[in-house]
């Protein structure tokens, strides 16, 4: 999802996050607003199925994703783009 985003785009997403979310977790509606993504993508990040994506889930996902092969990152980007 965050593959090949410019620093300006990441800052824009961060600004959207800060304007919507006042704590360290976001719900499905906030996730859809910030990332223009859907419930399937949200469920991937919400690993404890509590209806929120908290900071630990984001960091864990980014750590796992950062260590993946380039081919897997491209496949993931395609899947996320297709589901939106």
PDB file of N, CA and C in Angstrom:
ATOM      1  N   UNK A   1       0.812  -1.195   0.000  1.00  0.00           N
ATOM      2  CA  UNK A   1       0.000   0.000   0.000  1.00  0.00           C
ATOM      3  C   UNK A   1       0.858   1.263   0.000  1.00  0.00           C
ATOM      4  N   UNK A   2       1.955   1.258   0.738  1.00  0.00           N
ATOM      5  CA  UNK A   2       2.806   2.434   0.792  1.00  0.00           C
ATOM      6  C   UNK A   2       4.027   2.301  -0.097  1.00  0.00           C
ATOM      7  N   UNK A   3       3.955   1.416  -1.077  1.00  0.00           N
ATOM      8  CA  UNK A   3       5.074   1.197  -1.981  1.00  0.00           C
ATOM      9  C   UNK A   3       5.213   2.381  -2.930  1.00  0.00           C
ATOM     10  N   UNK A   4       6.426   2.886  -3.051  1.00  0.00           N
ATOM     11  CA  UNK A   4       6.770   3.952  -3.994  1.00  0.00           C
ATOM     12  C   UNK A   4       6.012   5.258  -3.768  1.00  0.00           C
ATOM     13  N   UNK A   5       5.560   5.510  -2.569  1.00  0.00           N
ATOM     14  CA  UNK A   5       4.939   6.800  -2.268  1.00  0.00           C
ATOM     15  C   UNK A   5       6.041   7.823  -2.050  1.00  0.00           C
ATOM     16  N   UNK A   6       5.816   9.016  -2.533  1.00  0.00           N
ATOM     17  CA  UNK A   6       6.776  10.082  -2.298  1.00  0.00           C
ATOM     18  C   UNK A   6       6.660  10.541  -0.850  1.00  0.00           C
ATOM     19  N   UNK A   7       7.673  11.232  -0.383  1.00  0.00           N
ATOM     20  CA  UNK A   7       7.647  11.774   0.971  1.00  0.00           C
ATOM     21  C   UNK A   7       6.472  12.732   1.133  1.00  0.00           C
ATOM     22  N   UNK A   8       6.178  13.491   0.102  1.00  0.00           N
ATOM     23  CA  UNK A   8       5.041  14.423   0.151  1.00  0.00           C
ATOM     24  C   UNK A   8       3.731  13.666   0.325  1.00  0.00           C
ATOM     25  N   UNK A   9       3.573  12.535  -0.367  1.00  0.00           N
ATOM     26  CA  UNK A   9       2.349  11.736  -0.248  1.00  0.00           C
ATOM     27  C   UNK A   9       2.230  11.128   1.147  1.00  0.00           C
ATOM     28  N   UNK A  10       3.337  10.637   1.693  1.00  0.00           N
ATOM     29  CA  UNK A  10       3.322  10.078   3.045  1.00  0.00           C
ATOM     30  C   UNK A  10       2.962  11.158   4.052  1.00  0.00           C
ATOM     31  N   UNK A  11       3.491  12.346   3.868  1.00  0.00           N
ATOM     32  CA  UNK A  11       3.131  13.465   4.764  1.00  0.00           C
ATOM     33  C   UNK A  11       1.654  13.819   4.633  1.00  0.00           C
ATOM     34  N   UNK A  12       1.135  13.745   3.421  1.00  0.00           N
ATOM     35  CA  UNK A  12      -0.290  14.008   3.205  1.00  0.00           C
ATOM     36  C   UNK A  12      -1.146  12.976   3.937  1.00  0.00           C
ATOM     37  N   UNK A  13      -0.770  11.701   3.823  1.00  0.00           N
ATOM     38  CA  UNK A  13      -1.494  10.647   4.530  1.00  0.00           C
ATOM     39  C   UNK A  13      -1.399  10.838   6.041  1.00  0.00           C
ATOM     40  N   UNK A  14      -0.230  11.209   6.515  1.00  0.00           N
ATOM     41  CA  UNK A  14      -0.059  11.454   7.946  1.00  0.00           C
ATOM     42  C   UNK A  14      -0.932  12.613   8.405  1.00  0.00           C
ATOM     43  N   UNK A  15      -1.014  13.655   7.597  1.00  0.00           N
ATOM     44  CA  UNK A  15      -1.883  14.788   7.928  1.00  0.00           C
ATOM     45  C   UNK A  15      -3.345  14.365   7.975  1.00  0.00           C
ATOM     46  N   UNK A  16      -3.762  13.525   7.031  1.00  0.00           N
ATOM     47  CA  UNK A  16      -5.131  13.003   7.042  1.00  0.00           C
ATOM     48  C   UNK A  16      -5.383  12.188   8.296  1.00  0.00           C
ATOM     49  N   UNK A  17      -4.412  11.344   8.645  1.00  0.00           N
ATOM     50  CA  UNK A  17      -4.528  10.526   9.846  1.00  0.00           C
ATOM     51  C   UNK A  17      -4.705  11.414  11.075  1.00  0.00           C
ATOM     52  N   UNK A  18      -3.850  12.427  11.214  1.00  0.00           N
ATOM     53  CA  UNK A  18      -3.915  13.305  12.387  1.00  0.00           C
ATOM     54  C   UNK A  18      -5.222  14.085  12.442  1.00  0.00           C
ATOM     55  N   UNK A  19      -5.775  14.444  11.286  1.00  0.00           N
ATOM     56  CA  UNK A  19      -7.007  15.229  11.281  1.00  0.00           C
ATOM     57  C   UNK A  19      -8.235  14.390  11.638  1.00  0.00           C
ATOM     58  N   UNK A  20      -8.141  13.073  11.459  1.00  0.00           N
ATOM     59  CA  UNK A  20      -9.275  12.190  11.715  1.00  0.00           C
ATOM     60  C   UNK A  20      -9.149  11.457  13.044  1.00  0.00           C
ATOM     61  N   UNK A  21      -7.956  11.032  13.379  1.00  0.00           N
ATOM     62  CA  UNK A  21      -7.748  10.146  14.515  1.00  0.00           C
ATOM     63  C   UNK A  21      -7.069  10.888  15.658  1.00  0.00           C
ATOM     64  N   UNK A  22      -7.679  10.845  16.836  1.00  0.00           N
ATOM     65  CA  UNK A  22      -7.116  11.560  17.982  1.00  0.00           C
ATOM     66  C   UNK A  22      -6.418  10.631  18.969  1.00  0.00           C
ATOM     67  N   UNK A  23      -6.207   9.365  18.603  1.00  0.00           N
ATOM     68  CA  UNK A  23      -5.478   8.444  19.463  1.00  0.00           C
ATOM     69  C   UNK A  23      -4.587   7.561  18.605  1.00  0.00           C
ATOM     70  N   UNK A  24      -4.153   6.438  19.139  1.00  0.00           N
ATOM     71  CA  UNK A  24      -3.219   5.582  18.414  1.00  0.00           C
ATOM     72  C   UNK A  24      -3.890   4.404  17.727  1.00  0.00           C
ATOM     73  N   UNK A  25      -5.173   4.518  17.424  1.00  0.00           N
ATOM     74  CA  UNK A  25      -5.882   3.451  16.724  1.00  0.00           C
ATOM     75  C   UNK A  25      -6.913   4.074  15.791  1.00  0.00           C
ATOM     76  N   UNK A  26      -7.187   3.382  14.683  1.00  0.00           N
ATOM     77  CA  UNK A  26      -8.204   3.857  13.752  1.00  0.00           C
ATOM     78  C   UNK A  26      -9.205   2.737  13.492  1.00  0.00           C
ATOM     79  N   UNK A  27     -10.446   3.131  13.265  1.00  0.00           N
ATOM     80  CA  UNK A  27     -11.482   2.148  12.947  1.00  0.00           C
ATOM     81  C   UNK A  27     -11.625   2.034  11.432  1.00  0.00           C
ATOM     82  N   UNK A  28     -12.558   1.201  10.985  1.00  0.00           N
ATOM     83  CA  UNK A  28     -12.733   0.949   9.554  1.00  0.00           C
ATOM     84  C   UNK A  28     -13.077   2.228   8.792  1.00  0.00           C
ATOM     85  N   UNK A  29     -13.980   3.031   9.317  1.00  0.00           N
ATOM     86  CA  UNK A  29     -14.381   4.264   8.638  1.00  0.00           C
ATOM     87  C   UNK A  29     -13.199   5.208   8.467  1.00  0.00           C
ATOM     88  N   UNK A  30     -12.406   5.361   9.528  1.00  0.00           N
ATOM     89  CA  UNK A  30     -11.219   6.224   9.456  1.00  0.00           C
ATOM     90  C   UNK A  30     -10.203   5.656   8.463  1.00  0.00           C
ATOM     91  N   UNK A  31     -10.022   4.342   8.480  1.00  0.00           N
ATOM     92  CA  UNK A  31      -9.096   3.678   7.560  1.00  0.00           C
ATOM     93  C   UNK A  31      -9.512   3.924   6.115  1.00  0.00           C
ATOM     94  N   UNK A  32     -10.801   3.764   5.835  1.00  0.00           N
ATOM     95  CA  UNK A  32     -11.303   3.985   4.474  1.00  0.00           C
ATOM     96  C   UNK A  32     -11.128   5.441   4.059  1.00  0.00           C
ATOM     97  N   UNK A  33     -11.335   6.366   4.972  1.00  0.00           N
ATOM     98  CA  UNK A  33     -11.189   7.787   4.669  1.00  0.00           C
ATOM     99  C   UNK A  33      -9.740   8.145   4.369  1.00  0.00           C
ATOM    100  N   UNK A  34      -8.828   7.640   5.170  1.00  0.00           N
ATOM    101  CA  UNK A  34      -7.411   7.986   5.005  1.00  0.00           C
ATOM    102  C   UNK A  34      -6.806   7.309   3.779  1.00  0.00           C
ATOM    103  N   UNK A  35      -7.041   6.001   3.635  1.00  0.00           N
ATOM    104  CA  UNK A  35      -6.340   5.218   2.621  1.00  0.00           C
ATOM    105  C   UNK A  35      -7.179   4.867   1.402  1.00  0.00           C
ATOM    106  N   UNK A  36      -8.433   5.281   1.368  1.00  0.00           N
ATOM    107  CA  UNK A  36      -9.327   4.913   0.269  1.00  0.00           C
ATOM    108  C   UNK A  36      -9.279   3.414   0.025  1.00  0.00           C
ATOM    109  N   UNK A  37      -9.308   2.665   1.088  1.00  0.00           N
ATOM    110  CA  UNK A  37      -9.222   1.222   1.015  1.00  0.00           C
ATOM    111  C   UNK A  37     -10.503   0.612   1.556  1.00  0.00           C
ATOM    112  N   UNK A  38     -10.583  -0.717   1.570  1.00  0.00           N
ATOM    113  CA  UNK A  38     -11.834  -1.360   1.940  1.00  0.00           C
ATOM    114  C   UNK A  38     -11.706  -2.258   3.162  1.00  0.00           C
ATOM    115  N   UNK A  39     -12.801  -2.937   3.494  1.00  0.00           N
ATOM    116  CA  UNK A  39     -12.863  -3.778   4.688  1.00  0.00           C
ATOM    117  C   UNK A  39     -11.924  -4.978   4.620  1.00  0.00           C
ATOM    118  N   UNK A  40     -11.717  -5.525   3.437  1.00  0.00           N
ATOM    119  CA  UNK A  40     -10.811  -6.670   3.289  1.00  0.00           C
ATOM    120  C   UNK A  40      -9.388  -6.263   3.653  1.00  0.00           C
ATOM    121  N   UNK A  41      -8.953  -5.123   3.155  1.00  0.00           N
ATOM    122  CA  UNK A  41      -7.625  -4.627   3.474  1.00  0.00           C
ATOM    123  C   UNK A  41      -7.528  -4.291   4.956  1.00  0.00           C
ATOM    124  N   UNK A  42      -8.558  -3.684   5.513  1.00  0.00           N
ATOM    125  CA  UNK A  42      -8.591  -3.359   6.938  1.00  0.00           C
ATOM    126  C   UNK A  42      -8.404  -4.621   7.774  1.00  0.00           C
ATOM    127  N   UNK A  43      -9.079  -5.699   7.409  1.00  0.00           N
ATOM    128  CA  UNK A  43      -9.008  -6.955   8.165  1.00  0.00           C
ATOM    129  C   UNK A  43      -7.595  -7.529   8.188  1.00  0.00           C
ATOM    130  N   UNK A  44      -6.827  -7.305   7.144  1.00  0.00           N
ATOM    131  CA  UNK A  44      -5.443  -7.785   7.104  1.00  0.00           C
ATOM    132  C   UNK A  44      -4.628  -7.116   8.203  1.00  0.00           C
ATOM    133  N   UNK A  45      -4.843  -5.823   8.409  1.00  0.00           N
ATOM    134  CA  UNK A  45      -4.087  -5.063   9.410  1.00  0.00           C
ATOM    135  C   UNK A  45      -4.636  -5.242  10.818  1.00  0.00           C
ATOM    136  N   UNK A  46      -5.929  -5.489  10.963  1.00  0.00           N
ATOM    137  CA  UNK A  46      -6.556  -5.660  12.277  1.00  0.00           C
ATOM    138  C   UNK A  46      -6.356  -7.098  12.751  1.00  0.00           C
ATOM    139  N   UNK A  47      -5.148  -7.399  13.208  1.00  0.00           N
ATOM    140  CA  UNK A  47      -4.778  -8.781  13.518  1.00  0.00           C
ATOM    141  C   UNK A  47      -5.475  -9.348  14.748  1.00  0.00           C
ATOM    142  N   UNK A  48      -5.916  -8.502  15.676  1.00  0.00           N
ATOM    143  CA  UNK A  48      -6.605  -9.023  16.857  1.00  0.00           C
ATOM    144  C   UNK A  48      -8.126  -8.961  16.719  1.00  0.00           C
ATOM    145  N   UNK A  49      -8.598  -8.556  15.546  1.00  0.00           N
ATOM    146  CA  UNK A  49     -10.032  -8.521  15.219  1.00  0.00           C
ATOM    147  C   UNK A  49     -10.879  -7.747  16.227  1.00  0.00           C
ATOM    148  N   UNK A  50     -10.334  -6.624  16.717  1.00  0.00           N
ATOM    149  CA  UNK A  50     -11.105  -5.818  17.667  1.00  0.00           C
ATOM    150  C   UNK A  50     -11.764  -4.610  17.006  1.00  0.00           C
ATOM    151  N   UNK A  51     -11.700  -4.531  15.674  1.00  0.00           N
ATOM    152  CA  UNK A  51     -12.326  -3.424  14.955  1.00  0.00           C
ATOM    153  C   UNK A  51     -11.490  -2.165  14.924  1.00  0.00           C
ATOM    154  N   UNK A  52     -10.229  -2.261  15.358  1.00  0.00           N
ATOM    155  CA  UNK A  52      -9.311  -1.122  15.352  1.00  0.00           C
ATOM    156  C   UNK A  52      -7.953  -1.577  14.835  1.00  0.00           C
ATOM    157  N   UNK A  53      -7.281  -0.679  14.164  1.00  0.00           N
ATOM    158  CA  UNK A  53      -5.883  -0.907  13.815  1.00  0.00           C
ATOM    159  C   UNK A  53      -5.088   0.010  14.726  1.00  0.00           C
ATOM    160  N   UNK A  54      -4.335  -0.598  15.634  1.00  0.00           N
ATOM    161  CA  UNK A  54      -3.562   0.220  16.577  1.00  0.00           C
ATOM    162  C   UNK A  54      -2.114   0.334  16.101  1.00  0.00           C
ATOM    163  N   UNK A  55      -1.342   1.117  16.810  1.00  0.00           N
ATOM    164  CA  UNK A  55       0.038   1.388  16.413  1.00  0.00           C
ATOM    165  C   UNK A  55       0.869   0.111  16.332  1.00  0.00           C
ATOM    166  N   UNK A  56       0.668  -0.824  17.253  1.00  0.00           N
ATOM    167  CA  UNK A  56       1.440  -2.070  17.228  1.00  0.00           C
ATOM    168  C   UNK A  56       1.139  -2.883  15.974  1.00  0.00           C
ATOM    169  N   UNK A  57      -0.116  -2.909  15.546  1.00  0.00           N
ATOM    170  CA  UNK A  57      -0.472  -3.649  14.332  1.00  0.00           C
ATOM    171  C   UNK A  57       0.149  -2.997  13.099  1.00  0.00           C
ATOM    172  N   UNK A  58       0.162  -1.689  13.069  1.00  0.00           N
ATOM    173  CA  UNK A  58       0.788  -0.983  11.940  1.00  0.00           C
ATOM    174  C   UNK A  58       2.276  -1.262  11.906  1.00  0.00           C
ATOM    175  N   UNK A  59       2.949  -1.102  13.054  1.00  0.00           N
ATOM    176  CA  UNK A  59       4.400  -1.319  13.086  1.00  0.00           C
ATOM    177  C   UNK A  59       4.754  -2.767  12.751  1.00  0.00           C
ATOM    178  N   UNK A  60       4.002  -3.724  13.284  1.00  0.00           N
ATOM    179  CA  UNK A  60       4.269  -5.133  12.980  1.00  0.00           C
ATOM    180  C   UNK A  60       4.090  -5.402  11.492  1.00  0.00           C
ATOM    181  N   UNK A  61       3.032  -4.869  10.905  1.00  0.00           N
ATOM    182  CA  UNK A  61       2.800  -5.047   9.480  1.00  0.00           C
ATOM    183  C   UNK A  61       3.895  -4.444   8.624  1.00  0.00           C
ATOM    184  N   UNK A  62       4.331  -3.255   9.000  1.00  0.00           N
ATOM    185  CA  UNK A  62       5.394  -2.598   8.241  1.00  0.00           C
ATOM    186  C   UNK A  62       6.715  -3.343   8.359  1.00  0.00           C
ATOM    187  N   UNK A  63       6.991  -3.870   9.543  1.00  0.00           N
ATOM    188  CA  UNK A  63       8.222  -4.634   9.727  1.00  0.00           C
ATOM    189  C   UNK A  63       8.203  -5.895   8.869  1.00  0.00           C
ATOM    190  N   UNK A  64       7.103  -6.621   8.895  1.00  0.00           N
ATOM    191  CA  UNK A  64       6.981  -7.836   8.088  1.00  0.00           C
ATOM    192  C   UNK A  64       7.057  -7.491   6.600  1.00  0.00           C
ATOM    193  N   UNK A  65       6.347  -6.452   6.210  1.00  0.00           N
ATOM    194  CA  UNK A  65       6.301  -6.048   4.813  1.00  0.00           C
ATOM    195  C   UNK A  65       7.659  -5.558   4.322  1.00  0.00           C
ATOM    196  N   UNK A  66       8.409  -4.854   5.161  1.00  0.00           N
ATOM    197  CA  UNK A  66       9.703  -4.292   4.770  1.00  0.00           C
ATOM    198  C   UNK A  66      10.709  -5.382   4.421  1.00  0.00           C
ATOM    199  N   UNK A  67      10.569  -6.549   5.025  1.00  0.00           N
ATOM    200  CA  UNK A  67      11.532  -7.623   4.818  1.00  0.00           C
ATOM    201  C   UNK A  67      11.128  -8.576   3.691  1.00  0.00           C
ATOM    202  N   UNK A  68      10.042  -8.284   3.008  1.00  0.00           N
ATOM    203  CA  UNK A  68       9.579  -9.189   1.958  1.00  0.00           C
ATOM    204  C   UNK A  68      10.325  -8.937   0.639  1.00  0.00           C
ATOM    205  N   UNK A  69      10.220  -9.913  -0.250  1.00  0.00           N
ATOM    206  CA  UNK A  69      10.869  -9.799  -1.561  1.00  0.00           C
ATOM    207  C   UNK A  69      10.148  -8.751  -2.409  1.00  0.00           C
ATOM    208  N   UNK A  70      10.855  -8.169  -3.350  1.00  0.00           N
ATOM    209  CA  UNK A  70      10.277  -7.160  -4.239  1.00  0.00           C
ATOM    210  C   UNK A  70       9.059  -7.729  -4.969  1.00  0.00           C
ATOM    211  N   UNK A  71       9.144  -8.985  -5.401  1.00  0.00           N
ATOM    212  CA  UNK A  71       8.025  -9.626  -6.099  1.00  0.00           C
ATOM    213  C   UNK A  71       6.770  -9.670  -5.205  1.00  0.00           C
ATOM    214  N   UNK A  72       6.960  -9.973  -3.924  1.00  0.00           N
ATOM    215  CA  UNK A  72       5.826 -10.030  -2.991  1.00  0.00           C
ATOM    216  C   UNK A  72       5.232  -8.645  -2.756  1.00  0.00           C
ATOM    217  N   UNK A  73       6.080  -7.628  -2.708  1.00  0.00           N
ATOM    218  CA  UNK A  73       5.590  -6.258  -2.528  1.00  0.00           C
ATOM    219  C   UNK A  73       4.743  -5.824  -3.720  1.00  0.00           C
ATOM    220  N   UNK A  74       5.197  -6.178  -4.912  1.00  0.00           N
ATOM    221  CA  UNK A  74       4.442  -5.823  -6.119  1.00  0.00           C
ATOM    222  C   UNK A  74       3.106  -6.554  -6.132  1.00  0.00           C
ATOM    223  N   UNK A  75       3.103  -7.836  -5.793  1.00  0.00           N
ATOM    224  CA  UNK A  75       1.871  -8.618  -5.734  1.00  0.00           C
ATOM    225  C   UNK A  75       0.911  -8.006  -4.700  1.00  0.00           C
ATOM    226  N   UNK A  76       1.432  -7.634  -3.560  1.00  0.00           N
ATOM    227  CA  UNK A  76       0.615  -7.036  -2.500  1.00  0.00           C
ATOM    228  C   UNK A  76       0.012  -5.714  -2.966  1.00  0.00           C
ATOM    229  N   UNK A  77       0.802  -4.902  -3.626  1.00  0.00           N
ATOM    230  CA  UNK A  77       0.284  -3.621  -4.121  1.00  0.00           C
ATOM    231  C   UNK A  77      -0.841  -3.863  -5.126  1.00  0.00           C
ATOM    232  N   UNK A  78      -0.677  -4.857  -5.991  1.00  0.00           N
ATOM    233  CA  UNK A  78      -1.708  -5.178  -6.972  1.00  0.00           C
ATOM    234  C   UNK A  78      -2.999  -5.636  -6.276  1.00  0.00           C
ATOM    235  N   UNK A  79      -2.856  -6.501  -5.291  1.00  0.00           N
ATOM    236  CA  UNK A  79      -4.017  -7.009  -4.565  1.00  0.00           C
ATOM    237  C   UNK A  79      -4.760  -5.862  -3.875  1.00  0.00           C
ATOM    238  N   UNK A  80      -4.019  -4.988  -3.180  1.00  0.00           N
ATOM    239  CA  UNK A  80      -4.643  -3.865  -2.484  1.00  0.00           C
ATOM    240  C   UNK A  80      -5.321  -2.920  -3.467  1.00  0.00           C
ATOM    241  N   UNK A  81      -4.672  -2.656  -4.594  1.00  0.00           N
ATOM    242  CA  UNK A  81      -5.261  -1.762  -5.589  1.00  0.00           C
ATOM    243  C   UNK A  81      -6.521  -2.354  -6.176  1.00  0.00           C
ATOM    244  N   UNK A  82      -6.534  -3.643  -6.400  1.00  0.00           N
ATOM    245  CA  UNK A  82      -7.685  -4.322  -6.992  1.00  0.00           C
ATOM    246  C   UNK A  82      -8.872  -4.309  -6.048  1.00  0.00           C
ATOM    247  N   UNK A  83      -8.630  -4.431  -4.733  1.00  0.00           N
ATOM    248  CA  UNK A  83      -9.713  -4.521  -3.762  1.00  0.00           C
ATOM    249  C   UNK A  83     -10.332  -3.170  -3.451  1.00  0.00           C
ATOM    250  N   UNK A  84      -9.667  -2.110  -3.775  1.00  0.00           N
ATOM    251  CA  UNK A  84     -10.169  -0.775  -3.414  1.00  0.00           C
ATOM    252  C   UNK A  84     -11.308  -0.338  -4.304  1.00  0.00           C
TER     253      UNK A  84
END
